[in-house]
Amino acid sequence: MSKFGYKLVCVDGETKGDEVILKKKQLPTVAKFLRAHLNWEIASAADEIDHTPHQPVCYDYFEAMGLMLDEGVFKSKYQVRSSWHLAEQE
C-alpha cells in the first residue's frame, strides 16, 4: 500500500497545532470541508451571512462539518470548529 502523504494542520481555533494524517479515500470529504470553510470565510468577510441555516453557504459548511465527524476525519466538535490547512507530510 502506498503512502498518501497529506495531512491537515490546525492553524487557528480550539485545537491549534493538531495534525490529522489523511487517507486518500478521505480526500473528497476533506476537499468539500475546506471549500465550504473558505466560502464561509469569504461570505463572512463580505458581510453576506445572516447565520440562518437556509443560506447555501451555511448549509454547505454545516453539512461538510458533519461529514468530517461522521467519516472519522475529525474526532471532536472542537476540531470541526477550528481552521485547517492541507499540507504534505514530511
PDB file of N, CA and C in Angstrom:
ATOM      1  N   MET A   1       0.837  -1.176   0.000  1.00  0.00           N
ATOM      2  CA  MET A   1       0.000   0.000   0.000  1.00  0.00           C
ATOM      3  C   MET A   1       0.885   1.244   0.000  1.00  0.00           C
ATOM      4  N   SER A   2       0.620   2.155  -0.909  1.00  0.00           N
ATOM      5  CA  SER A   2       1.432   3.368  -0.961  1.00  0.00           C
ATOM      6  C   SER A   2       0.922   4.393   0.036  1.00  0.00           C
ATOM      7  N   LYS A   3       1.840   5.195   0.499  1.00  0.00           N
ATOM      8  CA  LYS A   3       1.527   6.236   1.462  1.00  0.00           C
ATOM      9  C   LYS A   3       0.907   7.418   0.724  1.00  0.00           C
ATOM     10  N   PHE A   4      -0.190   7.977   1.275  1.00  0.00           N
ATOM     11  CA  PHE A   4      -0.875   9.112   0.635  1.00  0.00           C
ATOM     12  C   PHE A   4      -0.042  10.378   0.746  1.00  0.00           C
ATOM     13  N   GLY A   5       0.458  10.689   1.927  1.00  0.00           N
ATOM     14  CA  GLY A   5       1.393  11.793   2.078  1.00  0.00           C
ATOM     15  C   GLY A   5       0.811  13.161   2.368  1.00  0.00           C
ATOM     16  N   TYR A   6      -0.445  13.234   2.832  1.00  0.00           N
ATOM     17  CA  TYR A   6      -1.034  14.529   3.161  1.00  0.00           C
ATOM     18  C   TYR A   6      -1.632  14.503   4.558  1.00  0.00           C
ATOM     19  N   LYS A   7      -1.721  15.701   5.135  1.00  0.00           N
ATOM     20  CA  LYS A   7      -2.289  15.840   6.465  1.00  0.00           C
ATOM     21  C   LYS A   7      -2.999  17.185   6.555  1.00  0.00           C
ATOM     22  N   LEU A   8      -3.844  17.311   7.557  1.00  0.00           N
ATOM     23  CA  LEU A   8      -4.439  18.592   7.899  1.00  0.00           C
ATOM     24  C   LEU A   8      -3.709  19.128   9.118  1.00  0.00           C
ATOM     25  N   VAL A   9      -3.407  20.408   9.108  1.00  0.00           N
ATOM     26  CA  VAL A   9      -2.753  21.064  10.234  1.00  0.00           C
ATOM     27  C   VAL A   9      -3.686  22.170  10.714  1.00  0.00           C
ATOM     28  N   CYS A  10      -4.006  22.152  11.999  1.00  0.00           N
ATOM     29  CA  CYS A  10      -4.878  23.174  12.564  1.00  0.00           C
ATOM     30  C   CYS A  10      -4.075  24.455  12.765  1.00  0.00           C
ATOM     31  N   VAL A  11      -4.537  25.527  12.117  1.00  0.00           N
ATOM     32  CA  VAL A  11      -3.805  26.789  12.169  1.00  0.00           C
ATOM     33  C   VAL A  11      -4.456  27.826  13.073  1.00  0.00           C
ATOM     34  N   ASP A  12      -5.699  27.575  13.498  1.00  0.00           N
ATOM     35  CA  ASP A  12      -6.381  28.516  14.382  1.00  0.00           C
ATOM     36  C   ASP A  12      -7.582  27.827  15.016  1.00  0.00           C
ATOM     37  N   GLY A  13      -7.861  28.209  16.236  1.00  0.00           N
ATOM     38  CA  GLY A  13      -9.031  27.672  16.908  1.00  0.00           C
ATOM     39  C   GLY A  13      -8.676  26.860  18.138  1.00  0.00           C
ATOM     40  N   GLU A  14      -9.655  26.118  18.612  1.00  0.00           N
ATOM     41  CA  GLU A  14      -9.521  25.380  19.868  1.00  0.00           C
ATOM     42  C   GLU A  14      -8.509  24.240  19.816  1.00  0.00           C
ATOM     43  N   THR A  15      -8.193  23.781  18.637  1.00  0.00           N
ATOM     44  CA  THR A  15      -7.250  22.663  18.517  1.00  0.00           C
ATOM     45  C   THR A  15      -5.990  23.064  17.747  1.00  0.00           C
ATOM     46  N   LYS A  16      -5.648  24.349  17.828  1.00  0.00           N
ATOM     47  CA  LYS A  16      -4.473  24.858  17.110  1.00  0.00           C
ATOM     48  C   LYS A  16      -3.255  23.982  17.394  1.00  0.00           C
ATOM     49  N   GLY A  17      -2.574  23.594  16.315  1.00  0.00           N
ATOM     50  CA  GLY A  17      -1.400  22.743  16.435  1.00  0.00           C
ATOM     51  C   GLY A  17      -1.681  21.269  16.170  1.00  0.00           C
ATOM     52  N   ASP A  18      -2.947  20.856  16.220  1.00  0.00           N
ATOM     53  CA  ASP A  18      -3.288  19.461  15.917  1.00  0.00           C
ATOM     54  C   ASP A  18      -2.936  19.134  14.472  1.00  0.00           C
ATOM     55  N   GLU A  19      -2.632  17.874  14.242  1.00  0.00           N
ATOM     56  CA  GLU A  19      -2.420  17.375  12.890  1.00  0.00           C
ATOM     57  C   GLU A  19      -3.247  16.113  12.711  1.00  0.00           C
ATOM     58  N   VAL A  20      -3.849  15.972  11.545  1.00  0.00           N
ATOM     59  CA  VAL A  20      -4.638  14.799  11.212  1.00  0.00           C
ATOM     60  C   VAL A  20      -4.050  14.193   9.945  1.00  0.00           C
ATOM     61  N   ILE A  21      -3.511  12.990  10.066  1.00  0.00           N
ATOM     62  CA  ILE A  21      -2.955  12.278   8.912  1.00  0.00           C
ATOM     63  C   ILE A  21      -4.126  11.760   8.077  1.00  0.00           C
ATOM     64  N   LEU A  22      -4.082  12.014   6.781  1.00  0.00           N
ATOM     65  CA  LEU A  22      -5.195  11.657   5.909  1.00  0.00           C
ATOM     66  C   LEU A  22      -4.936  10.386   5.127  1.00  0.00           C
ATOM     67  N   LYS A  23      -6.031   9.710   4.834  1.00  0.00           N
ATOM     68  CA  LYS A  23      -6.019   8.582   3.902  1.00  0.00           C
ATOM     69  C   LYS A  23      -6.566   9.102   2.580  1.00  0.00           C
ATOM     70  N   LYS A  24      -6.108   8.538   1.493  1.00  0.00           N
ATOM     71  CA  LYS A  24      -6.524   9.011   0.176  1.00  0.00           C
ATOM     72  C   LYS A  24      -8.041   8.988   0.018  1.00  0.00           C
ATOM     73  N   LYS A  25      -8.701   7.995   0.574  1.00  0.00           N
ATOM     74  CA  LYS A  25     -10.158   7.878   0.433  1.00  0.00           C
ATOM     75  C   LYS A  25     -10.897   9.008   1.164  1.00  0.00           C
ATOM     76  N   GLN A  26     -10.225   9.708   2.069  1.00  0.00           N
ATOM     77  CA  GLN A  26     -10.850  10.815   2.799  1.00  0.00           C
ATOM     78  C   GLN A  26     -10.779  12.138   2.034  1.00  0.00           C
ATOM     79  N   LEU A  27      -9.985  12.203   0.984  1.00  0.00           N
ATOM     80  CA  LEU A  27      -9.751  13.464   0.283  1.00  0.00           C
ATOM     81  C   LEU A  27     -11.031  14.132  -0.228  1.00  0.00           C
ATOM     82  N   PRO A  28     -11.991  13.425  -0.809  1.00  0.00           N
ATOM     83  CA  PRO A  28     -13.213  14.118  -1.247  1.00  0.00           C
ATOM     84  C   PRO A  28     -13.947  14.820  -0.103  1.00  0.00           C
ATOM     85  N   THR A  29     -14.017  14.186   1.040  1.00  0.00           N
ATOM     86  CA  THR A  29     -14.669  14.798   2.206  1.00  0.00           C
ATOM     87  C   THR A  29     -13.883  15.992   2.698  1.00  0.00           C
ATOM     88  N   VAL A  30     -12.566  15.856   2.767  1.00  0.00           N
ATOM     89  CA  VAL A  30     -11.701  16.943   3.216  1.00  0.00           C
ATOM     90  C   VAL A  30     -11.791  18.127   2.249  1.00  0.00           C
ATOM     91  N   ALA A  31     -11.788  17.844   0.962  1.00  0.00           N
ATOM     92  CA  ALA A  31     -11.882  18.907  -0.045  1.00  0.00           C
ATOM     93  C   ALA A  31     -13.206  19.661   0.096  1.00  0.00           C
ATOM     94  N   LYS A  32     -14.286  18.921   0.302  1.00  0.00           N
ATOM     95  CA  LYS A  32     -15.598  19.551   0.490  1.00  0.00           C
ATOM     96  C   LYS A  32     -15.576  20.463   1.716  1.00  0.00           C
ATOM     97  N   PHE A  33     -14.989  19.980   2.812  1.00  0.00           N
ATOM     98  CA  PHE A  33     -14.910  20.765   4.039  1.00  0.00           C
ATOM     99  C   PHE A  33     -14.069  22.033   3.847  1.00  0.00           C
ATOM    100  N   LEU A  34     -12.897  21.896   3.238  1.00  0.00           N
ATOM    101  CA  LEU A  34     -12.016  23.048   3.055  1.00  0.00           C
ATOM    102  C   LEU A  34     -12.652  24.094   2.140  1.00  0.00           C
ATOM    103  N   ARG A  35     -13.313  23.646   1.080  1.00  0.00           N
ATOM    104  CA  ARG A  35     -14.002  24.590   0.183  1.00  0.00           C
ATOM    105  C   ARG A  35     -15.147  25.295   0.907  1.00  0.00           C
ATOM    106  N   ALA A  36     -15.934  24.530   1.655  1.00  0.00           N
ATOM    107  CA  ALA A  36     -17.065  25.106   2.382  1.00  0.00           C
ATOM    108  C   ALA A  36     -16.580  26.103   3.429  1.00  0.00           C
ATOM    109  N   HIS A  37     -15.478  25.771   4.105  1.00  0.00           N
ATOM    110  CA  HIS A  37     -14.928  26.684   5.107  1.00  0.00           C
ATOM    111  C   HIS A  37     -14.444  27.982   4.463  1.00  0.00           C
ATOM    112  N   LEU A  38     -13.765  27.873   3.331  1.00  0.00           N
ATOM    113  CA  LEU A  38     -13.293  29.068   2.625  1.00  0.00           C
ATOM    114  C   LEU A  38     -14.474  29.917   2.160  1.00  0.00           C
ATOM    115  N   ASN A  39     -15.495  29.291   1.607  1.00  0.00           N
ATOM    116  CA  ASN A  39     -16.680  30.034   1.166  1.00  0.00           C
ATOM    117  C   ASN A  39     -17.351  30.733   2.341  1.00  0.00           C
ATOM    118  N   TRP A  40     -17.392  30.067   3.488  1.00  0.00           N
ATOM    119  CA  TRP A  40     -17.950  30.658   4.705  1.00  0.00           C
ATOM    120  C   TRP A  40     -17.144  31.904   5.101  1.00  0.00           C
ATOM    121  N   GLU A  41     -15.814  31.780   5.095  1.00  0.00           N
ATOM    122  CA  GLU A  41     -14.964  32.913   5.476  1.00  0.00           C
ATOM    123  C   GLU A  41     -15.124  34.089   4.520  1.00  0.00           C
ATOM    124  N   ILE A  42     -15.202  33.811   3.233  1.00  0.00           N
ATOM    125  CA  ILE A  42     -15.367  34.878   2.244  1.00  0.00           C
ATOM    126  C   ILE A  42     -16.720  35.554   2.422  1.00  0.00           C
ATOM    127  N   ALA A  43     -17.770  34.772   2.573  1.00  0.00           N
ATOM    128  CA  ALA A  43     -19.111  35.339   2.770  1.00  0.00           C
ATOM    129  C   ALA A  43     -19.174  36.148   4.060  1.00  0.00           C
ATOM    130  N   SER A  44     -18.508  35.666   5.077  1.00  0.00           N
ATOM    131  CA  SER A  44     -18.486  36.386   6.351  1.00  0.00           C
ATOM    132  C   SER A  44     -17.756  37.716   6.213  1.00  0.00           C
ATOM    133  N   ALA A  45     -16.617  37.707   5.522  1.00  0.00           N
ATOM    134  CA  ALA A  45     -15.855  38.942   5.321  1.00  0.00           C
ATOM    135  C   ALA A  45     -16.643  39.957   4.498  1.00  0.00           C
ATOM    136  N   ALA A  46     -17.464  39.479   3.573  1.00  0.00           N
ATOM    137  CA  ALA A  46     -18.276  40.358   2.723  1.00  0.00           C
ATOM    138  C   ALA A  46     -19.589  40.730   3.405  1.00  0.00           C
ATOM    139  N   ASP A  47     -19.764  40.285   4.643  1.00  0.00           N
ATOM    140  CA  ASP A  47     -20.984  40.550   5.425  1.00  0.00           C
ATOM    141  C   ASP A  47     -22.228  40.030   4.711  1.00  0.00           C
ATOM    142  N   GLU A  48     -22.099  38.822   4.146  1.00  0.00           N
ATOM    143  CA  GLU A  48     -23.195  38.211   3.400  1.00  0.00           C
ATOM    144  C   GLU A  48     -23.870  37.073   4.161  1.00  0.00           C
ATOM    145  N   ILE A  49     -23.533  36.891   5.421  1.00  0.00           N
ATOM    146  CA  ILE A  49     -24.100  35.792   6.201  1.00  0.00           C
ATOM    147  C   ILE A  49     -25.014  36.362   7.267  1.00  0.00           C
ATOM    148  N   ASP A  50     -26.233  35.809   7.319  1.00  0.00           N
ATOM    149  CA  ASP A  50     -27.134  36.200   8.393  1.00  0.00           C
ATOM    150  C   ASP A  50     -27.334  35.046   9.386  1.00  0.00           C
ATOM    151  N   HIS A  51     -26.534  34.010   9.233  1.00  0.00           N
ATOM    152  CA  HIS A  51     -26.499  32.855  10.138  1.00  0.00           C
ATOM    153  C   HIS A  51     -27.814  32.081  10.208  1.00  0.00           C
ATOM    154  N   THR A  52     -28.563  32.096   9.128  1.00  0.00           N
ATOM    155  CA  THR A  52     -29.746  31.247   9.053  1.00  0.00           C
ATOM    156  C   THR A  52     -29.376  29.998   8.261  1.00  0.00           C
ATOM    157  N   PRO A  53     -29.886  28.845   8.696  1.00  0.00           N
ATOM    158  CA  PRO A  53     -29.468  27.591   8.059  1.00  0.00           C
ATOM    159  C   PRO A  53     -29.891  27.424   6.609  1.00  0.00           C
ATOM    160  N   HIS A  54     -30.825  28.224   6.120  1.00  0.00           N
ATOM    161  CA  HIS A  54     -31.269  28.048   4.736  1.00  0.00           C
ATOM    162  C   HIS A  54     -30.307  28.643   3.712  1.00  0.00           C
ATOM    163  N   GLN A  55     -29.363  29.451   4.141  1.00  0.00           N
ATOM    164  CA  GLN A  55     -28.385  30.009   3.202  1.00  0.00           C
ATOM    165  C   GLN A  55     -27.480  28.895   2.694  1.00  0.00           C
ATOM    166  N   PRO A  56     -27.265  28.818   1.382  1.00  0.00           N
ATOM    167  CA  PRO A  56     -26.411  27.754   0.851  1.00  0.00           C
ATOM    168  C   PRO A  56     -25.025  27.703   1.495  1.00  0.00           C
ATOM    169  N   VAL A  57     -24.399  28.849   1.734  1.00  0.00           N
ATOM    170  CA  VAL A  57     -23.057  28.853   2.323  1.00  0.00           C
ATOM    171  C   VAL A  57     -23.097  28.243   3.730  1.00  0.00           C
ATOM    172  N   CYS A  58     -24.152  28.498   4.470  1.00  0.00           N
ATOM    173  CA  CYS A  58     -24.292  27.916   5.813  1.00  0.00           C
ATOM    174  C   CYS A  58     -24.568  26.422   5.725  1.00  0.00           C
ATOM    175  N   TYR A  59     -25.529  26.063   4.886  1.00  0.00           N
ATOM    176  CA  TYR A  59     -25.899  24.657   4.740  1.00  0.00           C
ATOM    177  C   TYR A  59     -24.697  23.815   4.312  1.00  0.00           C
ATOM    178  N   ASP A  60     -23.962  24.288   3.306  1.00  0.00           N
ATOM    179  CA  ASP A  60     -22.808  23.534   2.806  1.00  0.00           C
ATOM    180  C   ASP A  60     -21.740  23.360   3.888  1.00  0.00           C
ATOM    181  N   TYR A  61     -21.493  24.426   4.640  1.00  0.00           N
ATOM    182  CA  TYR A  61     -20.473  24.365   5.686  1.00  0.00           C
ATOM    183  C   TYR A  61     -20.888  23.415   6.804  1.00  0.00           C
ATOM    184  N   PHE A  62     -22.116  23.530   7.271  1.00  0.00           N
ATOM    185  CA  PHE A  62     -22.581  22.651   8.350  1.00  0.00           C
ATOM    186  C   PHE A  62     -22.629  21.184   7.900  1.00  0.00           C
ATOM    187  N   GLU A  63     -23.027  20.963   6.657  1.00  0.00           N
ATOM    188  CA  GLU A  63     -23.041  19.601   6.114  1.00  0.00           C
ATOM    189  C   GLU A  63     -21.616  19.031   6.057  1.00  0.00           C
ATOM    190  N   ALA A  64     -20.671  19.829   5.589  1.00  0.00           N
ATOM    191  CA  ALA A  64     -19.283  19.385   5.487  1.00  0.00           C
ATOM    192  C   ALA A  64     -18.691  19.113   6.870  1.00  0.00           C
ATOM    193  N   MET A  65     -19.056  19.929   7.846  1.00  0.00           N
ATOM    194  CA  MET A  65     -18.594  19.706   9.214  1.00  0.00           C
ATOM    195  C   MET A  65     -19.080  18.346   9.720  1.00  0.00           C
ATOM    196  N   GLY A  66     -20.345  18.058   9.472  1.00  0.00           N
ATOM    197  CA  GLY A  66     -20.918  16.786   9.891  1.00  0.00           C
ATOM    198  C   GLY A  66     -20.253  15.598   9.220  1.00  0.00           C
ATOM    199  N   LEU A  67     -19.951  15.728   7.944  1.00  0.00           N
ATOM    200  CA  LEU A  67     -19.272  14.648   7.221  1.00  0.00           C
ATOM    201  C   LEU A  67     -17.889  14.362   7.795  1.00  0.00           C
ATOM    202  N   MET A  68     -17.183  15.403   8.173  1.00  0.00           N
ATOM    203  CA  MET A  68     -15.847  15.222   8.746  1.00  0.00           C
ATOM    204  C   MET A  68     -15.921  14.400  10.039  1.00  0.00           C
ATOM    205  N   LEU A  69     -16.954  14.628  10.823  1.00  0.00           N
ATOM    206  CA  LEU A  69     -17.139  13.840  12.045  1.00  0.00           C
ATOM    207  C   LEU A  69     -17.652  12.445  11.730  1.00  0.00           C
ATOM    208  N   ASP A  70     -18.662  12.352  10.869  1.00  0.00           N
ATOM    209  CA  ASP A  70     -19.273  11.067  10.533  1.00  0.00           C
ATOM    210  C   ASP A  70     -18.273  10.091   9.919  1.00  0.00           C
ATOM    211  N   GLU A  71     -17.358  10.615   9.125  1.00  0.00           N
ATOM    212  CA  GLU A  71     -16.384   9.761   8.443  1.00  0.00           C
ATOM    213  C   GLU A  71     -15.092   9.592   9.240  1.00  0.00           C
ATOM    214  N   GLY A  72     -15.049  10.156  10.441  1.00  0.00           N
ATOM    215  CA  GLY A  72     -13.915   9.928  11.332  1.00  0.00           C
ATOM    216  C   GLY A  72     -12.658  10.717  11.028  1.00  0.00           C
ATOM    217  N   VAL A  73     -12.753  11.707  10.146  1.00  0.00           N
ATOM    218  CA  VAL A  73     -11.579  12.541   9.880  1.00  0.00           C
ATOM    219  C   VAL A  73     -11.274  13.355  11.136  1.00  0.00           C
ATOM    220  N   PHE A  74     -12.311  13.985  11.688  1.00  0.00           N
ATOM    221  CA  PHE A  74     -12.189  14.701  12.950  1.00  0.00           C
ATOM    222  C   PHE A  74     -12.818  13.872  14.057  1.00  0.00           C
ATOM    223  N   LYS A  75     -12.269  13.988  15.242  1.00  0.00           N
ATOM    224  CA  LYS A  75     -12.739  13.207  16.390  1.00  0.00           C
ATOM    225  C   LYS A  75     -13.610  14.009  17.349  1.00  0.00           C
ATOM    226  N   SER A  76     -13.643  15.351  17.186  1.00  0.00           N
ATOM    227  CA  SER A  76     -14.405  16.160  18.136  1.00  0.00           C
ATOM    228  C   SER A  76     -14.972  17.409  17.478  1.00  0.00           C
ATOM    229  N   LYS A  77     -15.972  17.980  18.136  1.00  0.00           N
ATOM    230  CA  LYS A  77     -16.553  19.233  17.650  1.00  0.00           C
ATOM    231  C   LYS A  77     -15.531  20.367  17.696  1.00  0.00           C
ATOM    232  N   TYR A  78     -14.554  20.242  18.572  1.00  0.00           N
ATOM    233  CA  TYR A  78     -13.530  21.281  18.688  1.00  0.00           C
ATOM    234  C   TYR A  78     -12.666  21.333  17.429  1.00  0.00           C
ATOM    235  N   GLN A  79     -12.371  20.171  16.872  1.00  0.00           N
ATOM    236  CA  GLN A  79     -11.611  20.131  15.619  1.00  0.00           C
ATOM    237  C   GLN A  79     -12.436  20.719  14.482  1.00  0.00           C
ATOM    238  N   VAL A  80     -13.728  20.408  14.455  1.00  0.00           N
ATOM    239  CA  VAL A  80     -14.600  20.896  13.388  1.00  0.00           C
ATOM    240  C   VAL A  80     -14.679  22.417  13.391  1.00  0.00           C
ATOM    241  N   ARG A  81     -14.655  23.015  14.567  1.00  0.00           N
ATOM    242  CA  ARG A  81     -14.809  24.466  14.689  1.00  0.00           C
ATOM    243  C   ARG A  81     -13.514  25.232  14.475  1.00  0.00           C
ATOM    244  N   SER A  82     -12.432  24.541  14.225  1.00  0.00           N
ATOM    245  CA  SER A  82     -11.123  25.172  14.044  1.00  0.00           C
ATOM    246  C   SER A  82     -10.823  25.371  12.557  1.00  0.00           C
ATOM    247  N   SER A  83      -9.754  26.093  12.265  1.00  0.00           N
ATOM    248  CA  SER A  83      -9.334  26.352  10.883  1.00  0.00           C
ATOM    249  C   SER A  83      -8.152  25.451  10.530  1.00  0.00           C
ATOM    250  N   TRP A  84      -8.197  24.891   9.326  1.00  0.00           N
ATOM    251  CA  TRP A  84      -7.224  23.878   8.917  1.00  0.00           C
ATOM    252  C   TRP A  84      -6.556  24.228   7.599  1.00  0.00           C
ATOM    253  N   HIS A  85      -5.355  23.688   7.446  1.00  0.00           N
ATOM    254  CA  HIS A  85      -4.550  23.851   6.228  1.00  0.00           C
ATOM    255  C   HIS A  85      -4.133  22.463   5.761  1.00  0.00           C
ATOM    256  N   LEU A  86      -4.271  22.217   4.468  1.00  0.00           N
ATOM    257  CA  LEU A  86      -3.821  20.965   3.872  1.00  0.00           C
ATOM    258  C   LEU A  86      -2.328  21.067   3.608  1.00  0.00           C
ATOM    259  N   ALA A  87      -1.566  20.077   4.074  1.00  0.00           N
ATOM    260  CA  ALA A  87      -0.108  20.115   3.924  1.00  0.00           C
ATOM    261  C   ALA A  87       0.423  18.727   3.567  1.00  0.00           C
ATOM    262  N   GLU A  88       1.579  18.712   2.948  1.00  0.00           N
ATOM    263  CA  GLU A  88       2.259  17.441   2.681  1.00  0.00           C
ATOM    264  C   GLU A  88       2.917  16.946   3.950  1.00  0.00           C
ATOM    265  N   GLN A  89       2.903  15.630   4.107  1.00  0.00           N
ATOM    266  CA  GLN A  89       3.639  15.045   5.233  1.00  0.00           C
ATOM    267  C   GLN A  89       5.121  15.069   4.903  1.00  0.00           C
ATOM    268  N   GLU A  90       5.909  15.190   5.913  1.00  0.00           N
ATOM    269  CA  GLU A  90       7.356  15.236   5.706  1.00  0.00           C
ATOM    270  C   GLU A  90       7.969  13.868   5.803  1.00  0.00           C
TER     271      GLU A  90
END
